[in-house]
Amino acid sequence: MEFNFLAIFVAAIVPLILGFIWYNPKTFGNVWMREAEMTEEKMKKGNMPVIFLGSLVLSFLLAFSIQMLTNHQTGAYSLMGGDPSLAKPSYEAFMADYGNAFRTFKHGALHGALAGVFMFIPVIAINGMFERKSWKYIMINGLYWTTCLTVMGAIVCGWTA
């Protein structure tokens, strides 16, 4: 089991690229600004290079960790402690049978979407309710992250080269 760091890096860029599109004034940007109570003045106060670099680092962590949801082989890999020389024959048999099974873009996209719907949207909704945000705000952010995770999951699962 090897980690494909190029796929992880490409997946980590997805939230930035998709964010430029999703939060653009021609898509959901104006509605999001209104629902988030964001003003042009608040936007200008942020240190954008630090925000984008921090977002990229956090997106890299997310891309790395989503493999655990999309690539079922990581579960078998973790059971033997991460050292193939310590693996029992059952690990070798499992990998012989299922080594690259379910390693497709479609499978990764499915699990990424499920993570968005069943993990991220609930967390964003809980925070949004306590912050007294509207359901428009919650759904704009929740569906953004679901879309990001769908694409990121497809990349880290399907890009096996």
N, C-alpha and C. Protein backbone atom coordinates (compact mmCIF):
# COMPACT_ATOMS: atom_id res chain seq x y z
N MET A 1 0.86 -1.18 0.00
CA MET A 1 0.00 0.00 0.00
C MET A 1 0.89 1.23 0.00
N GLU A 2 0.79 2.00 -1.05
CA GLU A 2 1.56 3.23 -1.14
C GLU A 2 0.59 4.40 -1.28
N PHE A 3 1.02 5.53 -0.75
CA PHE A 3 0.23 6.74 -0.90
C PHE A 3 0.71 7.47 -2.14
N ASN A 4 -0.22 7.92 -2.94
CA ASN A 4 0.11 8.65 -4.16
C ASN A 4 0.09 10.14 -3.82
N PHE A 5 1.27 10.69 -3.54
CA PHE A 5 1.33 12.08 -3.08
C PHE A 5 0.98 13.07 -4.17
N LEU A 6 1.18 12.71 -5.44
CA LEU A 6 0.75 13.60 -6.52
C LEU A 6 -0.77 13.71 -6.55
N ALA A 7 -1.44 12.58 -6.40
CA ALA A 7 -2.91 12.59 -6.36
C ALA A 7 -3.40 13.37 -5.15
N ILE A 8 -2.73 13.20 -4.01
CA ILE A 8 -3.12 13.93 -2.80
C ILE A 8 -2.94 15.43 -3.01
N PHE A 9 -1.83 15.82 -3.62
CA PHE A 9 -1.60 17.25 -3.86
C PHE A 9 -2.64 17.82 -4.83
N VAL A 10 -2.93 17.10 -5.89
CA VAL A 10 -3.95 17.57 -6.85
C VAL A 10 -5.30 17.68 -6.16
N ALA A 11 -5.65 16.68 -5.35
CA ALA A 11 -6.92 16.72 -4.62
C ALA A 11 -6.94 17.90 -3.65
N ALA A 12 -5.81 18.24 -3.07
CA ALA A 12 -5.75 19.35 -2.11
C ALA A 12 -6.02 20.70 -2.78
N ILE A 13 -5.78 20.79 -4.06
CA ILE A 13 -6.02 22.05 -4.79
C ILE A 13 -7.50 22.22 -5.12
N VAL A 14 -8.24 21.12 -5.10
CA VAL A 14 -9.67 21.16 -5.48
C VAL A 14 -10.47 22.19 -4.69
N PRO A 15 -10.39 22.25 -3.34
CA PRO A 15 -11.21 23.24 -2.63
C PRO A 15 -10.89 24.68 -3.03
N LEU A 16 -9.64 24.97 -3.36
CA LEU A 16 -9.31 26.34 -3.77
C LEU A 16 -9.92 26.66 -5.14
N ILE A 17 -9.76 25.75 -6.09
CA ILE A 17 -10.30 25.98 -7.43
C ILE A 17 -11.82 26.03 -7.38
N LEU A 18 -12.42 25.05 -6.72
CA LEU A 18 -13.88 25.02 -6.63
C LEU A 18 -14.41 26.22 -5.85
N GLY A 19 -13.66 26.66 -4.84
CA GLY A 19 -14.07 27.83 -4.06
C GLY A 19 -14.13 29.10 -4.91
N PHE A 20 -13.17 29.25 -5.82
CA PHE A 20 -13.20 30.41 -6.74
C PHE A 20 -14.47 30.42 -7.57
N ILE A 21 -14.92 29.23 -7.95
CA ILE A 21 -16.14 29.12 -8.76
C ILE A 21 -17.38 29.24 -7.88
N TRP A 22 -17.43 28.47 -6.81
CA TRP A 22 -18.62 28.36 -5.95
C TRP A 22 -18.99 29.69 -5.30
N TYR A 23 -17.97 30.39 -4.80
CA TYR A 23 -18.22 31.63 -4.07
C TYR A 23 -18.04 32.87 -4.93
N ASN A 24 -18.00 32.70 -6.24
CA ASN A 24 -17.95 33.81 -7.18
C ASN A 24 -19.30 34.52 -7.17
N PRO A 25 -19.31 35.85 -7.32
CA PRO A 25 -20.59 36.57 -7.35
C PRO A 25 -21.56 36.08 -8.42
N LYS A 26 -21.05 35.45 -9.48
CA LYS A 26 -21.94 34.95 -10.54
C LYS A 26 -22.57 33.60 -10.19
N THR A 27 -22.09 32.96 -9.11
CA THR A 27 -22.70 31.71 -8.68
C THR A 27 -23.37 31.94 -7.32
N PHE A 28 -22.74 31.52 -6.23
CA PHE A 28 -23.34 31.66 -4.90
C PHE A 28 -22.72 32.76 -4.05
N GLY A 29 -21.75 33.49 -4.60
CA GLY A 29 -20.99 34.47 -3.83
C GLY A 29 -21.82 35.55 -3.17
N ASN A 30 -22.73 36.16 -3.92
CA ASN A 30 -23.54 37.25 -3.35
C ASN A 30 -24.49 36.75 -2.27
N VAL A 31 -25.11 35.60 -2.52
CA VAL A 31 -26.02 35.02 -1.53
C VAL A 31 -25.23 34.63 -0.29
N TRP A 32 -24.07 34.00 -0.49
CA TRP A 32 -23.24 33.61 0.65
C TRP A 32 -22.82 34.83 1.47
N MET A 33 -22.38 35.89 0.80
CA MET A 33 -21.96 37.10 1.53
C MET A 33 -23.10 37.65 2.39
N ARG A 34 -24.30 37.69 1.81
CA ARG A 34 -25.46 38.21 2.55
C ARG A 34 -25.77 37.30 3.74
N GLU A 35 -25.82 35.99 3.49
CA GLU A 35 -26.19 35.03 4.55
C GLU A 35 -25.09 34.90 5.61
N ALA A 36 -23.84 35.12 5.22
CA ALA A 36 -22.73 35.05 6.18
C ALA A 36 -22.51 36.38 6.89
N GLU A 37 -23.29 37.37 6.50
CA GLU A 37 -23.13 38.72 7.04
C GLU A 37 -21.72 39.25 6.79
N MET A 38 -21.23 38.94 5.60
CA MET A 38 -19.90 39.35 5.17
C MET A 38 -20.02 40.63 4.37
N THR A 39 -19.13 41.57 4.62
CA THR A 39 -19.12 42.83 3.87
C THR A 39 -17.80 42.95 3.12
N GLU A 40 -17.77 43.87 2.19
CA GLU A 40 -16.53 44.13 1.45
C GLU A 40 -15.42 44.56 2.41
N GLU A 41 -15.77 45.33 3.43
CA GLU A 41 -14.77 45.79 4.40
C GLU A 41 -14.16 44.60 5.15
N LYS A 42 -15.00 43.66 5.57
CA LYS A 42 -14.49 42.47 6.26
C LYS A 42 -13.59 41.66 5.33
N MET A 43 -13.99 41.58 4.07
CA MET A 43 -13.20 40.81 3.10
C MET A 43 -11.81 41.41 2.93
N LYS A 44 -11.73 42.71 2.93
CA LYS A 44 -10.45 43.39 2.71
C LYS A 44 -9.53 43.31 3.93
N LYS A 45 -10.08 43.05 5.11
CA LYS A 45 -9.28 42.99 6.33
C LYS A 45 -8.44 41.72 6.42
N GLY A 46 -8.82 40.68 5.73
CA GLY A 46 -8.12 39.41 5.82
C GLY A 46 -6.79 39.43 5.09
N ASN A 47 -5.83 38.67 5.59
CA ASN A 47 -4.54 38.51 4.94
C ASN A 47 -4.67 37.34 3.97
N MET A 48 -4.99 37.63 2.71
CA MET A 48 -5.33 36.59 1.76
C MET A 48 -4.21 35.58 1.50
N PRO A 49 -2.94 35.99 1.40
CA PRO A 49 -1.90 34.97 1.22
C PRO A 49 -1.87 33.96 2.38
N VAL A 50 -2.03 34.43 3.59
CA VAL A 50 -2.04 33.53 4.75
C VAL A 50 -3.29 32.65 4.72
N ILE A 51 -4.42 33.22 4.36
CA ILE A 51 -5.67 32.45 4.29
C ILE A 51 -5.56 31.36 3.23
N PHE A 52 -5.04 31.69 2.04
CA PHE A 52 -4.92 30.68 0.98
C PHE A 52 -3.88 29.62 1.32
N LEU A 53 -2.76 30.01 1.91
CA LEU A 53 -1.75 29.03 2.29
C LEU A 53 -2.29 28.10 3.39
N GLY A 54 -2.95 28.68 4.39
CA GLY A 54 -3.56 27.86 5.43
C GLY A 54 -4.61 26.93 4.87
N SER A 55 -5.41 27.42 3.93
CA SER A 55 -6.43 26.58 3.30
C SER A 55 -5.80 25.43 2.53
N LEU A 56 -4.69 25.71 1.84
CA LEU A 56 -4.01 24.66 1.09
C LEU A 56 -3.44 23.60 2.02
N VAL A 57 -2.84 24.01 3.12
CA VAL A 57 -2.29 23.05 4.09
C VAL A 57 -3.41 22.18 4.67
N LEU A 58 -4.51 22.81 5.07
CA LEU A 58 -5.64 22.05 5.63
C LEU A 58 -6.29 21.16 4.58
N SER A 59 -6.36 21.63 3.34
CA SER A 59 -6.90 20.81 2.25
C SER A 59 -6.01 19.61 1.97
N PHE A 60 -4.69 19.79 2.13
CA PHE A 60 -3.77 18.66 1.98
C PHE A 60 -4.05 17.60 3.06
N LEU A 61 -4.26 18.04 4.28
CA LEU A 61 -4.60 17.10 5.36
C LEU A 61 -5.91 16.37 5.06
N LEU A 62 -6.88 17.11 4.55
CA LEU A 62 -8.16 16.52 4.19
C LEU A 62 -8.00 15.50 3.06
N ALA A 63 -7.23 15.87 2.03
CA ALA A 63 -7.01 14.96 0.91
C ALA A 63 -6.29 13.70 1.35
N PHE A 64 -5.33 13.85 2.26
CA PHE A 64 -4.61 12.69 2.77
C PHE A 64 -5.55 11.78 3.57
N SER A 65 -6.39 12.37 4.38
CA SER A 65 -7.25 11.56 5.25
C SER A 65 -8.45 10.96 4.53
N ILE A 66 -8.89 11.56 3.43
CA ILE A 66 -10.06 11.00 2.73
C ILE A 66 -9.74 9.65 2.10
N GLN A 67 -8.45 9.36 1.95
CA GLN A 67 -8.07 8.04 1.44
C GLN A 67 -8.60 6.93 2.34
N MET A 68 -8.67 7.21 3.63
CA MET A 68 -9.12 6.19 4.57
C MET A 68 -10.59 5.84 4.36
N LEU A 69 -11.34 6.76 3.75
CA LEU A 69 -12.75 6.52 3.46
C LEU A 69 -12.96 5.91 2.07
N THR A 70 -12.07 6.22 1.15
CA THR A 70 -12.28 5.80 -0.23
C THR A 70 -11.50 4.54 -0.61
N ASN A 71 -10.32 4.37 -0.06
CA ASN A 71 -9.45 3.24 -0.41
C ASN A 71 -9.54 2.18 0.69
N HIS A 72 -10.32 1.16 0.43
CA HIS A 72 -10.55 0.13 1.45
C HIS A 72 -9.27 -0.61 1.83
N GLN A 73 -8.30 -0.62 0.96
CA GLN A 73 -7.06 -1.32 1.24
C GLN A 73 -6.29 -0.68 2.41
N THR A 74 -6.55 0.59 2.68
CA THR A 74 -5.86 1.23 3.81
C THR A 74 -6.27 0.59 5.13
N GLY A 75 -7.47 0.07 5.21
CA GLY A 75 -7.90 -0.62 6.42
C GLY A 75 -7.10 -1.88 6.66
N ALA A 76 -6.88 -2.67 5.60
CA ALA A 76 -6.07 -3.88 5.73
C ALA A 76 -4.63 -3.51 6.03
N TYR A 77 -4.15 -2.46 5.42
CA TYR A 77 -2.77 -2.00 5.64
C TYR A 77 -2.56 -1.59 7.09
N SER A 78 -3.55 -0.91 7.66
CA SER A 78 -3.41 -0.45 9.04
C SER A 78 -3.48 -1.61 10.03
N LEU A 79 -4.18 -2.68 9.69
CA LEU A 79 -4.30 -3.81 10.60
C LEU A 79 -2.96 -4.50 10.86
N MET A 80 -2.05 -4.42 9.91
CA MET A 80 -0.76 -5.07 10.13
C MET A 80 0.29 -4.08 10.60
N GLY A 81 -0.14 -2.92 11.02
CA GLY A 81 0.76 -1.96 11.63
C GLY A 81 1.56 -1.11 10.66
N GLY A 82 1.27 -1.20 9.39
CA GLY A 82 1.95 -0.38 8.41
C GLY A 82 3.29 -0.91 7.94
N ASP A 83 3.71 -2.06 8.44
CA ASP A 83 4.99 -2.65 8.05
C ASP A 83 4.71 -3.95 7.32
N PRO A 84 4.80 -3.96 5.97
CA PRO A 84 4.47 -5.17 5.22
C PRO A 84 5.30 -6.39 5.61
N SER A 85 6.50 -6.20 6.15
CA SER A 85 7.32 -7.35 6.54
C SER A 85 6.73 -8.09 7.75
N LEU A 86 5.85 -7.42 8.49
CA LEU A 86 5.21 -8.04 9.65
C LEU A 86 3.84 -8.65 9.33
N ALA A 87 3.46 -8.56 8.07
CA ALA A 87 2.12 -9.00 7.68
C ALA A 87 1.98 -10.51 7.80
N LYS A 88 0.80 -10.93 8.17
CA LYS A 88 0.47 -12.34 8.23
C LYS A 88 0.06 -12.80 6.83
N PRO A 89 0.05 -14.08 6.58
CA PRO A 89 -0.35 -14.58 5.25
C PRO A 89 -1.76 -14.12 4.84
N SER A 90 -2.63 -13.87 5.81
CA SER A 90 -3.98 -13.42 5.47
C SER A 90 -3.96 -12.06 4.78
N TYR A 91 -2.99 -11.20 5.16
CA TYR A 91 -2.85 -9.90 4.50
C TYR A 91 -2.46 -10.09 3.04
N GLU A 92 -1.48 -10.94 2.82
CA GLU A 92 -1.05 -11.22 1.44
C GLU A 92 -2.21 -11.78 0.62
N ALA A 93 -2.99 -12.68 1.21
CA ALA A 93 -4.13 -13.26 0.51
C ALA A 93 -5.17 -12.20 0.20
N PHE A 94 -5.44 -11.33 1.17
CA PHE A 94 -6.41 -10.25 0.96
C PHE A 94 -5.95 -9.35 -0.19
N MET A 95 -4.69 -8.94 -0.15
CA MET A 95 -4.19 -8.04 -1.19
C MET A 95 -4.14 -8.72 -2.55
N ALA A 96 -3.88 -10.02 -2.57
CA ALA A 96 -3.90 -10.76 -3.84
C ALA A 96 -5.31 -10.76 -4.43
N ASP A 97 -6.31 -10.89 -3.56
CA ASP A 97 -7.70 -10.91 -4.02
C ASP A 97 -8.26 -9.53 -4.31
N TYR A 98 -7.91 -8.55 -3.47
CA TYR A 98 -8.56 -7.24 -3.53
C TYR A 98 -7.60 -6.07 -3.72
N GLY A 99 -6.37 -6.32 -4.09
CA GLY A 99 -5.34 -5.29 -4.17
C GLY A 99 -5.77 -3.97 -4.79
N ASN A 100 -6.37 -4.01 -5.95
CA ASN A 100 -6.83 -2.78 -6.60
C ASN A 100 -8.34 -2.74 -6.79
N ALA A 101 -9.05 -3.63 -6.10
CA ALA A 101 -10.51 -3.63 -6.21
C ALA A 101 -11.09 -2.33 -5.66
N PHE A 102 -12.09 -1.84 -6.31
CA PHE A 102 -12.79 -0.62 -5.90
C PHE A 102 -11.88 0.60 -5.91
N ARG A 103 -10.84 0.59 -6.72
CA ARG A 103 -9.95 1.74 -6.84
C ARG A 103 -10.28 2.46 -8.14
N THR A 104 -11.46 3.07 -8.16
CA THR A 104 -11.90 3.79 -9.35
C THR A 104 -12.32 5.21 -8.97
N PHE A 105 -12.37 6.06 -9.97
CA PHE A 105 -12.84 7.43 -9.75
C PHE A 105 -14.28 7.42 -9.25
N LYS A 106 -15.09 6.55 -9.85
CA LYS A 106 -16.51 6.46 -9.47
C LYS A 106 -16.67 6.05 -8.01
N HIS A 107 -15.91 5.06 -7.57
CA HIS A 107 -16.00 4.58 -6.18
C HIS A 107 -15.55 5.67 -5.21
N GLY A 108 -14.47 6.35 -5.55
CA GLY A 108 -13.98 7.43 -4.70
C GLY A 108 -14.97 8.58 -4.62
N ALA A 109 -15.59 8.90 -5.76
CA ALA A 109 -16.59 9.97 -5.78
C ALA A 109 -17.78 9.62 -4.90
N LEU A 110 -18.22 8.37 -4.96
CA LEU A 110 -19.34 7.93 -4.13
C LEU A 110 -19.02 8.10 -2.65
N HIS A 111 -17.87 7.62 -2.23
CA HIS A 111 -17.52 7.71 -0.81
C HIS A 111 -17.25 9.15 -0.38
N GLY A 112 -16.70 9.96 -1.29
CA GLY A 112 -16.52 11.38 -0.98
C GLY A 112 -17.87 12.07 -0.79
N ALA A 113 -18.82 11.76 -1.67
CA ALA A 113 -20.16 12.35 -1.54
C ALA A 113 -20.84 11.89 -0.26
N LEU A 114 -20.70 10.61 0.08
CA LEU A 114 -21.29 10.11 1.32
C LEU A 114 -20.68 10.81 2.54
N ALA A 115 -19.39 11.04 2.51
CA ALA A 115 -18.73 11.76 3.62
C ALA A 115 -19.29 13.17 3.73
N GLY A 116 -19.51 13.81 2.59
CA GLY A 116 -20.06 15.16 2.61
C GLY A 116 -21.47 15.19 3.19
N VAL A 117 -22.31 14.28 2.72
CA VAL A 117 -23.71 14.27 3.14
C VAL A 117 -23.86 13.83 4.60
N PHE A 118 -23.13 12.79 5.00
CA PHE A 118 -23.34 12.21 6.32
C PHE A 118 -22.37 12.69 7.39
N MET A 119 -21.32 13.43 7.01
CA MET A 119 -20.38 13.94 8.01
C MET A 119 -20.28 15.47 7.97
N PHE A 120 -20.00 16.02 6.81
CA PHE A 120 -19.73 17.45 6.75
C PHE A 120 -21.00 18.30 6.87
N ILE A 121 -22.04 17.95 6.11
CA ILE A 121 -23.27 18.75 6.21
C ILE A 121 -23.82 18.76 7.64
N PRO A 122 -23.87 17.61 8.34
CA PRO A 122 -24.34 17.69 9.73
C PRO A 122 -23.49 18.60 10.62
N VAL A 123 -22.17 18.53 10.47
CA VAL A 123 -21.31 19.39 11.30
C VAL A 123 -21.54 20.86 10.97
N ILE A 124 -21.60 21.18 9.69
CA ILE A 124 -21.82 22.57 9.27
C ILE A 124 -23.20 23.03 9.73
N ALA A 125 -24.20 22.14 9.64
CA ALA A 125 -25.56 22.51 10.06
C ALA A 125 -25.63 22.76 11.56
N ILE A 126 -24.98 21.91 12.34
CA ILE A 126 -24.99 22.11 13.79
C ILE A 126 -24.35 23.45 14.15
N ASN A 127 -23.18 23.72 13.58
CA ASN A 127 -22.53 25.01 13.84
C ASN A 127 -23.41 26.15 13.38
N GLY A 128 -23.97 26.01 12.18
CA GLY A 128 -24.81 27.08 11.62
C GLY A 128 -26.03 27.37 12.48
N MET A 129 -26.65 26.34 13.02
CA MET A 129 -27.82 26.56 13.87
C MET A 129 -27.44 27.32 15.14
N PHE A 130 -26.33 26.93 15.77
CA PHE A 130 -25.91 27.63 16.98
C PHE A 130 -25.43 29.05 16.68
N GLU A 131 -24.90 29.27 15.49
CA GLU A 131 -24.47 30.61 15.09
C GLU A 131 -25.63 31.44 14.55
N ARG A 132 -26.82 30.83 14.51
CA ARG A 132 -28.05 31.48 14.02
C ARG A 132 -27.93 31.86 12.54
N LYS A 133 -27.31 30.97 11.77
CA LYS A 133 -27.18 31.18 10.34
C LYS A 133 -28.40 30.59 9.64
N SER A 134 -28.66 31.07 8.46
CA SER A 134 -29.81 30.58 7.69
C SER A 134 -29.50 29.22 7.05
N TRP A 135 -30.58 28.55 6.64
CA TRP A 135 -30.39 27.28 5.94
C TRP A 135 -29.77 27.50 4.57
N LYS A 136 -29.93 28.68 3.98
CA LYS A 136 -29.23 28.98 2.73
C LYS A 136 -27.72 28.95 2.95
N TYR A 137 -27.29 29.60 4.02
CA TYR A 137 -25.87 29.62 4.37
C TYR A 137 -25.36 28.20 4.61
N ILE A 138 -26.11 27.43 5.38
CA ILE A 138 -25.71 26.06 5.71
C ILE A 138 -25.60 25.21 4.45
N MET A 139 -26.58 25.32 3.57
CA MET A 139 -26.57 24.50 2.37
C MET A 139 -25.52 24.95 1.36
N ILE A 140 -25.28 26.24 1.24
CA ILE A 140 -24.22 26.70 0.34
C ILE A 140 -22.89 26.12 0.78
N ASN A 141 -22.58 26.21 2.07
CA ASN A 141 -21.31 25.68 2.57
C ASN A 141 -21.30 24.15 2.59
N GLY A 142 -22.38 23.54 3.00
CA GLY A 142 -22.43 22.08 3.07
C GLY A 142 -22.32 21.43 1.70
N LEU A 143 -23.02 21.98 0.73
CA LEU A 143 -22.95 21.42 -0.62
C LEU A 143 -21.62 21.72 -1.29
N TYR A 144 -21.00 22.84 -0.93
CA TYR A 144 -19.65 23.14 -1.43
C TYR A 144 -18.70 22.05 -0.96
N TRP A 145 -18.72 21.74 0.34
CA TRP A 145 -17.80 20.72 0.85
C TRP A 145 -18.15 19.33 0.36
N THR A 146 -19.41 19.05 0.16
CA THR A 146 -19.80 17.76 -0.40
C THR A 146 -19.26 17.63 -1.82
N THR A 147 -19.36 18.69 -2.60
CA THR A 147 -18.83 18.68 -3.96
C THR A 147 -17.31 18.53 -3.94
N CYS A 148 -16.64 19.26 -3.05
CA CYS A 148 -15.18 19.14 -2.92
C CYS A 148 -14.79 17.70 -2.57
N LEU A 149 -15.45 17.12 -1.58
CA LEU A 149 -15.11 15.77 -1.15
C LEU A 149 -15.40 14.74 -2.24
N THR A 150 -16.43 14.97 -3.03
CA THR A 150 -16.74 14.07 -4.14
C THR A 150 -15.59 14.06 -5.14
N VAL A 151 -15.13 15.24 -5.52
CA VAL A 151 -14.02 15.33 -6.48
C VAL A 151 -12.71 14.84 -5.86
N MET A 152 -12.45 15.24 -4.62
CA MET A 152 -11.23 14.80 -3.95
C MET A 152 -11.21 13.28 -3.77
N GLY A 153 -12.33 12.70 -3.38
CA GLY A 153 -12.41 11.25 -3.23
C GLY A 153 -12.16 10.54 -4.54
N ALA A 154 -12.72 11.08 -5.62
CA ALA A 154 -12.50 10.49 -6.95
C ALA A 154 -11.02 10.50 -7.31
N ILE A 155 -10.36 11.60 -7.02
CA ILE A 155 -8.93 11.73 -7.37
C ILE A 155 -8.08 10.78 -6.55
N VAL A 156 -8.22 10.79 -5.23
CA VAL A 156 -7.33 9.96 -4.40
C VAL A 156 -7.62 8.47 -4.55
N CYS A 157 -8.84 8.11 -4.91
CA CYS A 157 -9.17 6.69 -5.08
C CYS A 157 -8.87 6.21 -6.49
N GLY A 158 -9.20 7.00 -7.47
CA GLY A 158 -9.07 6.56 -8.85
C GLY A 158 -7.71 6.73 -9.46
N TRP A 159 -6.95 7.64 -8.93
CA TRP A 159 -5.63 7.92 -9.50
C TRP A 159 -4.63 6.99 -8.83
N THR A 160 -4.51 5.78 -9.33
CA THR A 160 -3.67 4.77 -8.70
C THR A 160 -2.27 4.71 -9.27
N ALA A 161 -1.99 5.45 -10.32
CA ALA A 161 -0.66 5.37 -10.95
C ALA A 161 0.40 6.01 -10.10
